[in-house]
Amino acid sequence: MSTTRILLADDHRMVREGLYSLIEQQIGMEVVAEAQDGREAVRLARRFRPNLVIMDVTMPGLNGIEATRQILSESPGVKVIALSMHSHSWFVVRMLDAGASGYVLKEYAFEELVSGIRTVIAGQTYLSPGIAGVMHEGNLFHLSVTNRSVYSVLTHRQRKVLQLIAEGKSTKEIASILRISVKTVETYRQQIMKRLDTRSVAKVTKCAIREGLVSLEADAS
């Protein structure tokens, strides 16, 4: 039996350590790398070529939704299981829309994750019972991102800038993180404001929180 190579992506070290210990006890599973944010997850996925990524949904710098999109655009064969404290259908739909094959609630991770991994590797979709119990699974897969979502209004690059703005990063910090000029960041900022029809940073931040690009709290991931 071939070994399933797994990448863990979560901004909480204790969560990663717990999941690492759980996975390493399983026959046929191996953790090949750990990432503490979405950007690092994309880089490590490119380097280690895992079969499966356990992806926290809300992480600083680059959230799990965007990271999933990037990883699967480069390596379509990789499987992604979302790991989140959020059971609301909004987050589930966005992760599945990004290409995830599974969604496990953090509160049940130690009971469900191994089963979820085996299900997804077998080519099926896995959803925590806590999610399936509050919505009809058949309808879930037919939901799509609405026209009012930032995922249809903003480009991939604009969403990155929006997330960093919402996280309180300055223009210079954003320029440094994305390796672009301050002028380019300002251009993106203007484009975002125009497309979201607002000139208020506070409203833009609220939009980013509502759309799941950032969390209400630092530990809400």
N, C-alpha and C. Protein backbone atom coordinates (compact mmCIF):
# COMPACT_ATOMS: atom_id res chain seq x y z
N MET A 1 0.85 -1.20 0.00
CA MET A 1 0.00 0.00 0.00
C MET A 1 0.88 1.25 0.00
N SER A 2 0.57 2.18 -0.91
CA SER A 2 1.36 3.39 -0.99
C SER A 2 1.05 4.31 0.19
N THR A 3 2.01 5.14 0.55
CA THR A 3 1.85 6.05 1.67
C THR A 3 1.25 7.37 1.22
N THR A 4 0.25 7.86 1.95
CA THR A 4 -0.36 9.15 1.65
C THR A 4 0.48 10.24 2.29
N ARG A 5 1.04 11.11 1.46
CA ARG A 5 1.90 12.21 1.93
C ARG A 5 1.01 13.41 2.25
N ILE A 6 1.12 13.91 3.48
CA ILE A 6 0.20 14.94 3.96
C ILE A 6 0.92 16.21 4.39
N LEU A 7 0.36 17.34 4.00
CA LEU A 7 0.83 18.65 4.43
C LEU A 7 -0.19 19.23 5.41
N LEU A 8 0.27 19.64 6.58
CA LEU A 8 -0.59 20.27 7.58
C LEU A 8 -0.44 21.78 7.51
N ALA A 9 -1.55 22.51 7.38
CA ALA A 9 -1.51 23.97 7.34
C ALA A 9 -2.47 24.53 8.38
N ASP A 10 -1.92 25.09 9.45
CA ASP A 10 -2.72 25.68 10.52
C ASP A 10 -1.85 26.68 11.26
N ASP A 11 -2.40 27.84 11.61
CA ASP A 11 -1.58 28.86 12.26
C ASP A 11 -1.40 28.64 13.75
N HIS A 12 -1.97 27.57 14.29
CA HIS A 12 -1.78 27.26 15.70
C HIS A 12 -0.87 26.03 15.86
N ARG A 13 0.27 26.26 16.49
CA ARG A 13 1.27 25.20 16.63
C ARG A 13 0.72 23.99 17.37
N MET A 14 -0.07 24.21 18.42
CA MET A 14 -0.59 23.09 19.20
C MET A 14 -1.56 22.23 18.38
N VAL A 15 -2.32 22.87 17.50
CA VAL A 15 -3.22 22.11 16.63
C VAL A 15 -2.40 21.24 15.68
N ARG A 16 -1.36 21.83 15.10
CA ARG A 16 -0.51 21.07 14.17
C ARG A 16 0.15 19.89 14.88
N GLU A 17 0.63 20.14 16.10
CA GLU A 17 1.31 19.07 16.85
C GLU A 17 0.34 17.93 17.16
N GLY A 18 -0.89 18.27 17.54
CA GLY A 18 -1.88 17.24 17.84
C GLY A 18 -2.25 16.42 16.61
N LEU A 19 -2.45 17.11 15.49
CA LEU A 19 -2.81 16.41 14.25
C LEU A 19 -1.63 15.58 13.73
N TYR A 20 -0.43 16.12 13.88
CA TYR A 20 0.77 15.38 13.46
C TYR A 20 0.85 14.05 14.21
N SER A 21 0.67 14.11 15.53
CA SER A 21 0.73 12.90 16.35
C SER A 21 -0.35 11.91 15.94
N LEU A 22 -1.54 12.40 15.67
CA LEU A 22 -2.66 11.54 15.25
C LEU A 22 -2.37 10.85 13.93
N ILE A 23 -1.92 11.62 12.96
CA ILE A 23 -1.69 11.09 11.61
C ILE A 23 -0.52 10.11 11.58
N GLU A 24 0.55 10.45 12.30
CA GLU A 24 1.74 9.60 12.29
C GLU A 24 1.48 8.22 12.91
N GLN A 25 0.41 8.09 13.67
CA GLN A 25 0.06 6.79 14.26
C GLN A 25 -0.67 5.88 13.27
N GLN A 26 -1.08 6.45 12.15
CA GLN A 26 -1.86 5.70 11.17
C GLN A 26 -0.95 4.99 10.17
N ILE A 27 -1.31 3.78 9.81
CA ILE A 27 -0.57 3.05 8.80
C ILE A 27 -0.88 3.64 7.43
N GLY A 28 0.16 3.91 6.66
CA GLY A 28 -0.04 4.41 5.31
C GLY A 28 -0.20 5.91 5.22
N MET A 29 0.08 6.65 6.30
CA MET A 29 0.00 8.11 6.29
C MET A 29 1.28 8.71 6.83
N GLU A 30 1.71 9.79 6.22
CA GLU A 30 2.95 10.44 6.64
C GLU A 30 2.82 11.96 6.47
N VAL A 31 3.16 12.72 7.52
CA VAL A 31 3.18 14.18 7.43
C VAL A 31 4.54 14.59 6.87
N VAL A 32 4.54 15.21 5.70
CA VAL A 32 5.81 15.58 5.05
C VAL A 32 6.19 17.03 5.30
N ALA A 33 5.24 17.87 5.73
CA ALA A 33 5.56 19.28 5.98
C ALA A 33 4.44 19.93 6.78
N GLU A 34 4.79 21.04 7.45
CA GLU A 34 3.82 21.81 8.23
C GLU A 34 3.94 23.28 7.86
N ALA A 35 2.80 23.94 7.70
CA ALA A 35 2.77 25.37 7.36
C ALA A 35 1.96 26.13 8.41
N GLN A 36 2.39 27.35 8.72
CA GLN A 36 1.68 28.14 9.72
C GLN A 36 0.82 29.24 9.11
N ASP A 37 0.82 29.35 7.79
CA ASP A 37 -0.10 30.27 7.12
C ASP A 37 -0.31 29.81 5.68
N GLY A 38 -1.25 30.44 5.01
CA GLY A 38 -1.59 30.01 3.66
C GLY A 38 -0.47 30.16 2.66
N ARG A 39 0.27 31.24 2.77
CA ARG A 39 1.36 31.48 1.83
C ARG A 39 2.43 30.40 1.95
N GLU A 40 2.75 30.02 3.18
CA GLU A 40 3.73 28.97 3.40
C GLU A 40 3.18 27.62 2.92
N ALA A 41 1.88 27.42 3.05
CA ALA A 41 1.26 26.18 2.58
C ALA A 41 1.43 26.03 1.07
N VAL A 42 1.23 27.12 0.35
CA VAL A 42 1.39 27.08 -1.11
C VAL A 42 2.83 26.75 -1.48
N ARG A 43 3.77 27.40 -0.78
CA ARG A 43 5.18 27.18 -1.06
C ARG A 43 5.61 25.74 -0.75
N LEU A 44 5.16 25.22 0.40
CA LEU A 44 5.55 23.87 0.79
C LEU A 44 4.86 22.80 -0.07
N ALA A 45 3.65 23.09 -0.53
CA ALA A 45 2.96 22.16 -1.42
C ALA A 45 3.73 22.04 -2.73
N ARG A 46 4.25 23.14 -3.18
CA ARG A 46 5.05 23.17 -4.41
C ARG A 46 6.35 22.38 -4.22
N ARG A 47 6.92 22.47 -3.03
CA ARG A 47 8.20 21.82 -2.76
C ARG A 47 8.08 20.33 -2.46
N PHE A 48 7.09 19.96 -1.62
CA PHE A 48 7.00 18.57 -1.16
C PHE A 48 6.02 17.69 -1.93
N ARG A 49 5.18 18.29 -2.77
CA ARG A 49 4.24 17.52 -3.60
C ARG A 49 3.42 16.52 -2.78
N PRO A 50 2.67 16.99 -1.80
CA PRO A 50 1.87 16.07 -0.99
C PRO A 50 0.70 15.51 -1.79
N ASN A 51 0.16 14.40 -1.31
CA ASN A 51 -1.06 13.85 -1.92
C ASN A 51 -2.28 14.57 -1.38
N LEU A 52 -2.15 15.08 -0.12
CA LEU A 52 -3.30 15.68 0.54
C LEU A 52 -2.85 16.82 1.46
N VAL A 53 -3.67 17.87 1.50
CA VAL A 53 -3.39 19.01 2.39
C VAL A 53 -4.53 19.16 3.38
N ILE A 54 -4.20 19.24 4.66
CA ILE A 54 -5.17 19.56 5.69
C ILE A 54 -5.09 21.08 5.86
N MET A 55 -6.12 21.81 5.44
CA MET A 55 -6.05 23.26 5.31
C MET A 55 -6.98 23.99 6.28
N ASP A 56 -6.38 24.73 7.21
CA ASP A 56 -7.16 25.61 8.08
C ASP A 56 -7.81 26.67 7.19
N VAL A 57 -9.05 27.01 7.45
CA VAL A 57 -9.77 27.93 6.57
C VAL A 57 -9.35 29.38 6.77
N THR A 58 -9.24 29.83 8.02
CA THR A 58 -8.90 31.23 8.27
C THR A 58 -7.51 31.34 8.88
N MET A 59 -6.57 31.83 8.09
CA MET A 59 -5.20 32.02 8.53
C MET A 59 -4.74 33.40 8.11
N PRO A 60 -3.78 34.00 8.83
CA PRO A 60 -3.28 35.33 8.48
C PRO A 60 -2.47 35.31 7.19
N GLY A 61 -2.37 36.47 6.55
CA GLY A 61 -1.55 36.59 5.35
C GLY A 61 -2.23 36.09 4.10
N LEU A 62 -2.57 34.82 4.09
CA LEU A 62 -3.30 34.21 2.97
C LEU A 62 -4.21 33.15 3.57
N ASN A 63 -5.51 33.33 3.43
CA ASN A 63 -6.46 32.40 4.05
C ASN A 63 -6.51 31.06 3.32
N GLY A 64 -7.14 30.09 3.96
CA GLY A 64 -7.18 28.74 3.40
C GLY A 64 -7.93 28.62 2.09
N ILE A 65 -8.92 29.48 1.88
CA ILE A 65 -9.68 29.45 0.63
C ILE A 65 -8.78 29.81 -0.54
N GLU A 66 -8.04 30.92 -0.38
CA GLU A 66 -7.14 31.36 -1.44
C GLU A 66 -5.98 30.40 -1.62
N ALA A 67 -5.45 29.89 -0.51
CA ALA A 67 -4.34 28.95 -0.59
C ALA A 67 -4.75 27.68 -1.34
N THR A 68 -5.98 27.22 -1.08
CA THR A 68 -6.49 26.03 -1.77
C THR A 68 -6.58 26.28 -3.26
N ARG A 69 -7.09 27.45 -3.65
CA ARG A 69 -7.18 27.79 -5.07
C ARG A 69 -5.80 27.75 -5.73
N GLN A 70 -4.81 28.33 -5.05
CA GLN A 70 -3.47 28.38 -5.62
C GLN A 70 -2.84 27.00 -5.75
N ILE A 71 -2.96 26.21 -4.70
CA ILE A 71 -2.37 24.87 -4.72
C ILE A 71 -2.98 24.01 -5.81
N LEU A 72 -4.29 24.05 -5.93
CA LEU A 72 -4.97 23.20 -6.92
C LEU A 72 -4.79 23.71 -8.34
N SER A 73 -4.53 25.00 -8.49
CA SER A 73 -4.25 25.52 -9.83
C SER A 73 -2.90 25.02 -10.33
N GLU A 74 -1.97 24.80 -9.39
CA GLU A 74 -0.64 24.30 -9.75
C GLU A 74 -0.60 22.77 -9.77
N SER A 75 -1.35 22.15 -8.87
CA SER A 75 -1.34 20.68 -8.77
C SER A 75 -2.78 20.17 -8.61
N PRO A 76 -3.50 20.03 -9.72
CA PRO A 76 -4.91 19.62 -9.67
C PRO A 76 -5.16 18.27 -9.02
N GLY A 77 -4.14 17.42 -8.96
CA GLY A 77 -4.32 16.09 -8.40
C GLY A 77 -4.28 16.03 -6.89
N VAL A 78 -3.88 17.13 -6.25
CA VAL A 78 -3.79 17.16 -4.80
C VAL A 78 -5.20 17.24 -4.20
N LYS A 79 -5.41 16.52 -3.10
CA LYS A 79 -6.68 16.57 -2.39
C LYS A 79 -6.54 17.55 -1.21
N VAL A 80 -7.60 18.29 -0.93
CA VAL A 80 -7.58 19.24 0.19
C VAL A 80 -8.76 18.97 1.11
N ILE A 81 -8.47 18.88 2.40
CA ILE A 81 -9.53 18.78 3.41
C ILE A 81 -9.49 20.06 4.24
N ALA A 82 -10.59 20.78 4.26
CA ALA A 82 -10.67 22.00 5.07
C ALA A 82 -10.83 21.63 6.53
N LEU A 83 -10.17 22.39 7.39
CA LEU A 83 -10.27 22.19 8.83
C LEU A 83 -10.68 23.52 9.43
N SER A 84 -11.83 23.58 10.10
CA SER A 84 -12.31 24.87 10.59
C SER A 84 -13.23 24.74 11.79
N MET A 85 -13.33 25.84 12.54
CA MET A 85 -14.28 25.91 13.63
C MET A 85 -15.64 26.37 13.12
N HIS A 86 -15.69 26.83 11.86
CA HIS A 86 -16.90 27.38 11.28
C HIS A 86 -17.76 26.30 10.61
N SER A 87 -18.98 26.15 11.08
CA SER A 87 -19.89 25.17 10.47
C SER A 87 -20.89 25.83 9.54
N HIS A 88 -20.87 27.15 9.45
CA HIS A 88 -21.82 27.85 8.60
C HIS A 88 -21.62 27.46 7.14
N SER A 89 -22.72 27.34 6.43
CA SER A 89 -22.66 26.89 5.03
C SER A 89 -21.80 27.79 4.16
N TRP A 90 -21.70 29.09 4.53
CA TRP A 90 -20.90 30.01 3.73
C TRP A 90 -19.47 29.50 3.56
N PHE A 91 -18.84 29.12 4.69
CA PHE A 91 -17.45 28.67 4.65
C PHE A 91 -17.32 27.34 3.90
N VAL A 92 -18.28 26.46 4.12
CA VAL A 92 -18.25 25.16 3.45
C VAL A 92 -18.33 25.34 1.94
N VAL A 93 -19.27 26.17 1.50
CA VAL A 93 -19.45 26.41 0.07
C VAL A 93 -18.21 27.03 -0.55
N ARG A 94 -17.62 28.01 0.14
CA ARG A 94 -16.43 28.67 -0.42
C ARG A 94 -15.26 27.70 -0.56
N MET A 95 -15.07 26.83 0.44
CA MET A 95 -13.97 25.86 0.36
C MET A 95 -14.21 24.83 -0.73
N LEU A 96 -15.43 24.34 -0.84
CA LEU A 96 -15.74 23.37 -1.91
C LEU A 96 -15.62 24.04 -3.27
N ASP A 97 -16.04 25.29 -3.36
CA ASP A 97 -15.92 26.03 -4.61
C ASP A 97 -14.46 26.21 -4.99
N ALA A 98 -13.59 26.35 -3.98
CA ALA A 98 -12.16 26.50 -4.24
C ALA A 98 -11.52 25.17 -4.66
N GLY A 99 -12.23 24.06 -4.43
CA GLY A 99 -11.72 22.77 -4.87
C GLY A 99 -11.48 21.75 -3.77
N ALA A 100 -11.79 22.11 -2.52
CA ALA A 100 -11.59 21.16 -1.42
C ALA A 100 -12.49 19.93 -1.60
N SER A 101 -12.01 18.79 -1.14
CA SER A 101 -12.77 17.54 -1.24
C SER A 101 -13.40 17.14 0.08
N GLY A 102 -13.08 17.88 1.14
CA GLY A 102 -13.63 17.53 2.44
C GLY A 102 -13.67 18.74 3.36
N TYR A 103 -14.47 18.65 4.40
CA TYR A 103 -14.59 19.73 5.37
C TYR A 103 -14.82 19.11 6.75
N VAL A 104 -13.85 19.29 7.64
CA VAL A 104 -13.91 18.71 8.98
C VAL A 104 -13.92 19.83 10.02
N LEU A 105 -14.87 19.77 10.94
CA LEU A 105 -14.93 20.75 12.01
C LEU A 105 -13.84 20.47 13.04
N LYS A 106 -13.19 21.51 13.51
CA LYS A 106 -12.09 21.34 14.45
C LYS A 106 -12.51 20.63 15.73
N GLU A 107 -13.71 20.88 16.17
CA GLU A 107 -14.14 20.26 17.43
C GLU A 107 -14.26 18.75 17.33
N TYR A 108 -14.33 18.24 16.09
CA TYR A 108 -14.43 16.79 15.89
C TYR A 108 -13.20 16.23 15.17
N ALA A 109 -12.17 17.06 15.01
CA ALA A 109 -11.03 16.67 14.17
C ALA A 109 -10.40 15.35 14.58
N PHE A 110 -10.18 15.15 15.86
CA PHE A 110 -9.48 13.93 16.30
C PHE A 110 -10.34 12.69 16.12
N GLU A 111 -11.66 12.86 16.12
CA GLU A 111 -12.54 11.71 15.91
C GLU A 111 -12.77 11.43 14.42
N GLU A 112 -12.74 12.48 13.60
CA GLU A 112 -13.16 12.34 12.21
C GLU A 112 -12.06 12.42 11.16
N LEU A 113 -10.95 13.06 11.49
CA LEU A 113 -9.97 13.38 10.45
C LEU A 113 -9.44 12.17 9.70
N VAL A 114 -9.07 11.13 10.41
CA VAL A 114 -8.52 9.94 9.75
C VAL A 114 -9.54 9.35 8.78
N SER A 115 -10.79 9.26 9.22
CA SER A 115 -11.86 8.78 8.35
C SER A 115 -12.02 9.68 7.15
N GLY A 116 -11.92 11.01 7.38
CA GLY A 116 -12.03 11.97 6.29
C GLY A 116 -10.92 11.81 5.28
N ILE A 117 -9.70 11.59 5.77
CA ILE A 117 -8.56 11.40 4.88
C ILE A 117 -8.76 10.18 4.00
N ARG A 118 -9.14 9.07 4.60
CA ARG A 118 -9.32 7.84 3.83
C ARG A 118 -10.45 8.00 2.80
N THR A 119 -11.51 8.70 3.19
CA THR A 119 -12.63 8.92 2.28
C THR A 119 -12.22 9.76 1.08
N VAL A 120 -11.50 10.84 1.34
CA VAL A 120 -11.09 11.75 0.28
C VAL A 120 -10.06 11.10 -0.65
N ILE A 121 -9.11 10.37 -0.08
CA ILE A 121 -8.11 9.69 -0.89
C ILE A 121 -8.76 8.66 -1.80
N ALA A 122 -9.88 8.11 -1.35
CA ALA A 122 -10.62 7.12 -2.15
C ALA A 122 -11.44 7.79 -3.27
N GLY A 123 -11.37 9.11 -3.34
CA GLY A 123 -12.06 9.81 -4.41
C GLY A 123 -13.45 10.30 -4.07
N GLN A 124 -13.81 10.25 -2.80
CA GLN A 124 -15.13 10.71 -2.38
C GLN A 124 -15.02 12.02 -1.60
N THR A 125 -16.16 12.63 -1.31
CA THR A 125 -16.20 13.87 -0.54
C THR A 125 -16.59 13.57 0.90
N TYR A 126 -15.91 14.23 1.83
CA TYR A 126 -16.22 14.00 3.25
C TYR A 126 -16.65 15.31 3.90
N LEU A 127 -17.79 15.27 4.59
CA LEU A 127 -18.27 16.41 5.37
C LEU A 127 -18.54 15.94 6.79
N SER A 128 -18.11 16.73 7.78
CA SER A 128 -18.41 16.40 9.17
C SER A 128 -19.92 16.26 9.34
N PRO A 129 -20.35 15.27 10.13
CA PRO A 129 -21.78 15.12 10.40
C PRO A 129 -22.38 16.40 10.97
N GLY A 130 -21.59 17.18 11.68
CA GLY A 130 -22.07 18.44 12.23
C GLY A 130 -22.50 19.41 11.16
N ILE A 131 -21.94 19.25 9.96
CA ILE A 131 -22.32 20.10 8.83
C ILE A 131 -23.50 19.49 8.10
N ALA A 132 -23.39 18.21 7.81
CA ALA A 132 -24.45 17.52 7.08
C ALA A 132 -25.77 17.57 7.84
N GLY A 133 -25.68 17.68 9.17
CA GLY A 133 -26.89 17.68 9.97
C GLY A 133 -27.67 18.98 9.94
N VAL A 134 -27.02 20.07 9.47
CA VAL A 134 -27.71 21.36 9.46
C VAL A 134 -28.07 21.82 8.05
N MET A 135 -27.76 21.01 7.05
CA MET A 135 -28.11 21.38 5.69
C MET A 135 -28.26 20.14 4.83
N HIS A 136 -28.99 20.24 3.76
CA HIS A 136 -29.16 19.11 2.86
C HIS A 136 -27.94 19.02 1.96
N GLU A 137 -27.25 17.91 2.05
CA GLU A 137 -26.00 17.74 1.30
C GLU A 137 -26.22 17.90 -0.20
N GLY A 138 -27.35 17.45 -0.70
CA GLY A 138 -27.60 17.56 -2.13
C GLY A 138 -27.62 18.99 -2.61
N ASN A 139 -28.14 19.90 -1.77
CA ASN A 139 -28.19 21.30 -2.15
C ASN A 139 -26.84 21.97 -2.04
N LEU A 140 -26.02 21.49 -1.12
CA LEU A 140 -24.72 22.12 -0.86
C LEU A 140 -23.87 22.17 -2.11
N PHE A 141 -23.84 21.09 -2.85
CA PHE A 141 -22.94 21.03 -4.00
C PHE A 141 -23.46 21.81 -5.20
N HIS A 142 -24.69 22.31 -5.12
CA HIS A 142 -25.23 23.10 -6.20
C HIS A 142 -25.19 24.60 -5.89
N LEU A 143 -24.75 24.94 -4.68
CA LEU A 143 -24.61 26.35 -4.33
C LEU A 143 -23.39 26.92 -5.02
N SER A 144 -23.45 28.16 -5.38
CA SER A 144 -22.30 28.81 -6.01
C SER A 144 -22.09 30.18 -5.41
N VAL A 145 -20.93 30.75 -5.69
CA VAL A 145 -20.62 32.07 -5.16
C VAL A 145 -21.52 33.10 -5.82
N THR A 146 -22.18 33.92 -5.03
CA THR A 146 -23.11 34.90 -5.59
C THR A 146 -22.37 36.05 -6.25
N ASN A 147 -23.07 36.78 -7.06
CA ASN A 147 -22.48 37.91 -7.76
C ASN A 147 -22.00 39.00 -6.83
N ARG A 148 -22.55 39.05 -5.60
CA ARG A 148 -22.16 40.08 -4.66
C ARG A 148 -20.91 39.70 -3.87
N SER A 149 -20.40 38.52 -4.07
CA SER A 149 -19.23 38.06 -3.34
C SER A 149 -17.95 38.69 -3.88
N VAL A 150 -16.98 38.90 -2.98
CA VAL A 150 -15.69 39.43 -3.42
C VAL A 150 -15.00 38.44 -4.36
N TYR A 151 -15.40 37.18 -4.31
CA TYR A 151 -14.78 36.17 -5.17
C TYR A 151 -15.17 36.34 -6.63
N SER A 152 -16.24 37.06 -6.90
CA SER A 152 -16.62 37.32 -8.28
C SER A 152 -16.35 38.77 -8.66
N VAL A 153 -16.28 39.66 -7.66
CA VAL A 153 -16.08 41.08 -7.91
C VAL A 153 -14.60 41.46 -8.01
N LEU A 154 -13.78 40.81 -7.18
CA LEU A 154 -12.35 41.14 -7.13
C LEU A 154 -11.49 40.06 -7.77
N THR A 155 -10.33 40.48 -8.29
CA THR A 155 -9.37 39.53 -8.84
C THR A 155 -8.63 38.85 -7.69
N HIS A 156 -7.90 37.80 -8.03
CA HIS A 156 -7.12 37.07 -7.04
C HIS A 156 -6.16 38.00 -6.29
N ARG A 157 -5.46 38.87 -7.02
CA ARG A 157 -4.50 39.78 -6.42
C ARG A 157 -5.20 40.82 -5.55
N GLN A 158 -6.34 41.31 -6.00
CA GLN A 158 -7.09 42.28 -5.22
C GLN A 158 -7.58 41.68 -3.91
N ARG A 159 -7.96 40.41 -3.94
CA ARG A 159 -8.41 39.75 -2.70
C ARG A 159 -7.26 39.62 -1.71
N LYS A 160 -6.06 39.38 -2.22
CA LYS A 160 -4.89 39.30 -1.34
C LYS A 160 -4.69 40.64 -0.63
N VAL A 161 -4.74 41.72 -1.40
CA VAL A 161 -4.55 43.05 -0.83
C VAL A 161 -5.67 43.36 0.16
N LEU A 162 -6.91 43.00 -0.19
CA LEU A 162 -8.04 43.22 0.71
C LEU A 162 -7.83 42.52 2.04
N GLN A 163 -7.38 41.28 2.01
CA GLN A 163 -7.15 40.55 3.26
C GLN A 163 -6.12 41.25 4.13
N LEU A 164 -5.03 41.69 3.50
CA LEU A 164 -3.96 42.35 4.27
C LEU A 164 -4.41 43.70 4.82
N ILE A 165 -5.23 44.42 4.07
CA ILE A 165 -5.79 45.68 4.57
C ILE A 165 -6.65 45.40 5.80
N ALA A 166 -7.49 44.38 5.69
CA ALA A 166 -8.39 44.02 6.79
C ALA A 166 -7.62 43.55 8.02
N GLU A 167 -6.43 43.00 7.81
CA GLU A 167 -5.60 42.55 8.93
C GLU A 167 -4.85 43.70 9.58
N GLY A 168 -5.04 44.93 9.03
CA GLY A 168 -4.43 46.10 9.63
C GLY A 168 -3.03 46.42 9.12
N LYS A 169 -2.61 45.77 8.05
CA LYS A 169 -1.29 46.02 7.50
C LYS A 169 -1.25 47.38 6.81
N SER A 170 -0.12 48.09 6.93
CA SER A 170 0.04 49.38 6.28
C SER A 170 0.36 49.17 4.80
N THR A 171 0.30 50.24 4.04
CA THR A 171 0.59 50.15 2.61
C THR A 171 2.02 49.64 2.39
N LYS A 172 2.96 50.14 3.18
CA LYS A 172 4.35 49.70 3.05
C LYS A 172 4.50 48.22 3.41
N GLU A 173 3.80 47.79 4.43
CA GLU A 173 3.87 46.38 4.84
C GLU A 173 3.29 45.47 3.76
N ILE A 174 2.17 45.90 3.17
CA ILE A 174 1.56 45.11 2.10
C ILE A 174 2.50 45.02 0.91
N ALA A 175 3.13 46.14 0.58
CA ALA A 175 4.07 46.15 -0.54
C ALA A 175 5.22 45.18 -0.30
N SER A 176 5.70 45.16 0.94
CA SER A 176 6.81 44.27 1.29
C SER A 176 6.38 42.80 1.24
N ILE A 177 5.20 42.50 1.79
CA ILE A 177 4.71 41.12 1.82
C ILE A 177 4.48 40.58 0.42
N LEU A 178 3.87 41.39 -0.45
CA LEU A 178 3.54 40.94 -1.81
C LEU A 178 4.65 41.22 -2.82
N ARG A 179 5.71 41.91 -2.34
CA ARG A 179 6.86 42.23 -3.19
C ARG A 179 6.44 43.05 -4.41
N ILE A 180 5.66 44.09 -4.13
CA ILE A 180 5.26 45.02 -5.17
C ILE A 180 5.52 46.43 -4.64
N SER A 181 5.37 47.44 -5.49
CA SER A 181 5.64 48.81 -5.07
C SER A 181 4.49 49.37 -4.26
N VAL A 182 4.81 50.41 -3.49
CA VAL A 182 3.79 51.09 -2.71
C VAL A 182 2.73 51.67 -3.64
N LYS A 183 3.16 52.19 -4.77
CA LYS A 183 2.24 52.76 -5.75
C LYS A 183 1.26 51.72 -6.27
N THR A 184 1.76 50.51 -6.49
CA THR A 184 0.90 49.43 -6.97
C THR A 184 -0.13 49.05 -5.92
N VAL A 185 0.29 49.03 -4.65
CA VAL A 185 -0.65 48.74 -3.57
C VAL A 185 -1.75 49.79 -3.54
N GLU A 186 -1.38 51.06 -3.68
CA GLU A 186 -2.37 52.13 -3.68
C GLU A 186 -3.35 51.97 -4.84
N THR A 187 -2.83 51.53 -5.99
CA THR A 187 -3.70 51.29 -7.15
C THR A 187 -4.69 50.19 -6.85
N TYR A 188 -4.21 49.11 -6.24
CA TYR A 188 -5.09 48.00 -5.87
C TYR A 188 -6.14 48.46 -4.86
N ARG A 189 -5.71 49.27 -3.91
CA ARG A 189 -6.62 49.77 -2.88
C ARG A 189 -7.76 50.58 -3.52
N GLN A 190 -7.40 51.44 -4.48
CA GLN A 190 -8.41 52.24 -5.17
C GLN A 190 -9.37 51.36 -5.97
N GLN A 191 -8.82 50.34 -6.62
CA GLN A 191 -9.65 49.42 -7.40
C GLN A 191 -10.62 48.67 -6.50
N ILE A 192 -10.13 48.24 -5.34
CA ILE A 192 -10.98 47.50 -4.39
C ILE A 192 -12.11 48.39 -3.90
N MET A 193 -11.78 49.62 -3.52
CA MET A 193 -12.79 50.55 -3.03
C MET A 193 -13.86 50.79 -4.10
N LYS A 194 -13.42 50.92 -5.33
CA LYS A 194 -14.35 51.19 -6.43
C LYS A 194 -15.26 49.99 -6.67
N ARG A 195 -14.68 48.80 -6.70
CA ARG A 195 -15.47 47.61 -6.99
C ARG A 195 -16.42 47.24 -5.87
N LEU A 196 -16.03 47.60 -4.63
CA LEU A 196 -16.91 47.33 -3.50
C LEU A 196 -17.81 48.53 -3.19
N ASP A 197 -17.67 49.57 -4.01
CA ASP A 197 -18.51 50.76 -3.93
C ASP A 197 -18.46 51.40 -2.55
N THR A 198 -17.25 51.64 -2.06
CA THR A 198 -17.08 52.30 -0.77
C THR A 198 -15.72 52.98 -0.72
N ARG A 199 -15.61 54.01 0.12
CA ARG A 199 -14.34 54.68 0.35
C ARG A 199 -13.89 54.49 1.79
N SER A 200 -14.61 53.67 2.51
CA SER A 200 -14.35 53.45 3.93
C SER A 200 -13.55 52.17 4.16
N VAL A 201 -12.39 52.32 4.82
CA VAL A 201 -11.58 51.16 5.17
C VAL A 201 -12.34 50.25 6.13
N ALA A 202 -13.12 50.87 7.03
CA ALA A 202 -13.91 50.10 8.00
C ALA A 202 -14.91 49.19 7.28
N LYS A 203 -15.57 49.73 6.25
CA LYS A 203 -16.54 48.93 5.51
C LYS A 203 -15.86 47.82 4.70
N VAL A 204 -14.69 48.15 4.17
CA VAL A 204 -13.92 47.14 3.44
C VAL A 204 -13.51 46.02 4.38
N THR A 205 -13.10 46.37 5.59
CA THR A 205 -12.71 45.37 6.59
C THR A 205 -13.89 44.50 6.97
N LYS A 206 -15.06 45.11 7.18
CA LYS A 206 -16.26 44.35 7.49
C LYS A 206 -16.59 43.37 6.37
N CYS A 207 -16.41 43.82 5.14
CA CYS A 207 -16.67 42.97 3.98
C CYS A 207 -15.73 41.77 3.98
N ALA A 208 -14.46 42.02 4.28
CA ALA A 208 -13.47 40.94 4.31
C ALA A 208 -13.80 39.93 5.39
N ILE A 209 -14.28 40.41 6.54
CA ILE A 209 -14.66 39.51 7.63
C ILE A 209 -15.88 38.69 7.22
N ARG A 210 -16.88 39.36 6.64
CA ARG A 210 -18.10 38.68 6.21
C ARG A 210 -17.81 37.61 5.16
N GLU A 211 -16.85 37.89 4.29
CA GLU A 211 -16.51 36.97 3.22
C GLU A 211 -15.53 35.89 3.64
N GLY A 212 -15.10 35.92 4.91
CA GLY A 212 -14.22 34.87 5.41
C GLY A 212 -12.75 35.04 5.10
N LEU A 213 -12.37 36.22 4.59
CA LEU A 213 -10.95 36.45 4.29
C LEU A 213 -10.13 36.60 5.56
N VAL A 214 -10.76 37.13 6.61
CA VAL A 214 -10.10 37.26 7.91
C VAL A 214 -11.10 36.87 9.00
N SER A 215 -10.60 36.61 10.18
CA SER A 215 -11.45 36.22 11.30
C SER A 215 -11.78 37.41 12.17
N LEU A 216 -12.86 37.30 12.92
CA LEU A 216 -13.22 38.34 13.88
C LEU A 216 -12.21 38.38 15.01
N GLU A 217 -11.64 37.22 15.33
CA GLU A 217 -10.66 37.13 16.40
C GLU A 217 -9.43 36.43 15.88
N ALA A 218 -8.30 36.72 16.51
CA ALA A 218 -7.03 36.14 16.06
C ALA A 218 -7.04 34.64 16.13
N ASP A 219 -7.79 34.06 17.06
CA ASP A 219 -7.79 32.61 17.21
C ASP A 219 -9.01 31.96 16.58
N ALA A 220 -9.78 32.71 15.83
CA ALA A 220 -10.98 32.13 15.20
C ALA A 220 -10.63 31.52 13.89
N SER A 221 -9.99 30.38 13.92
CA SER A 221 -9.59 29.72 12.68
C SER A 221 -9.90 28.25 12.75
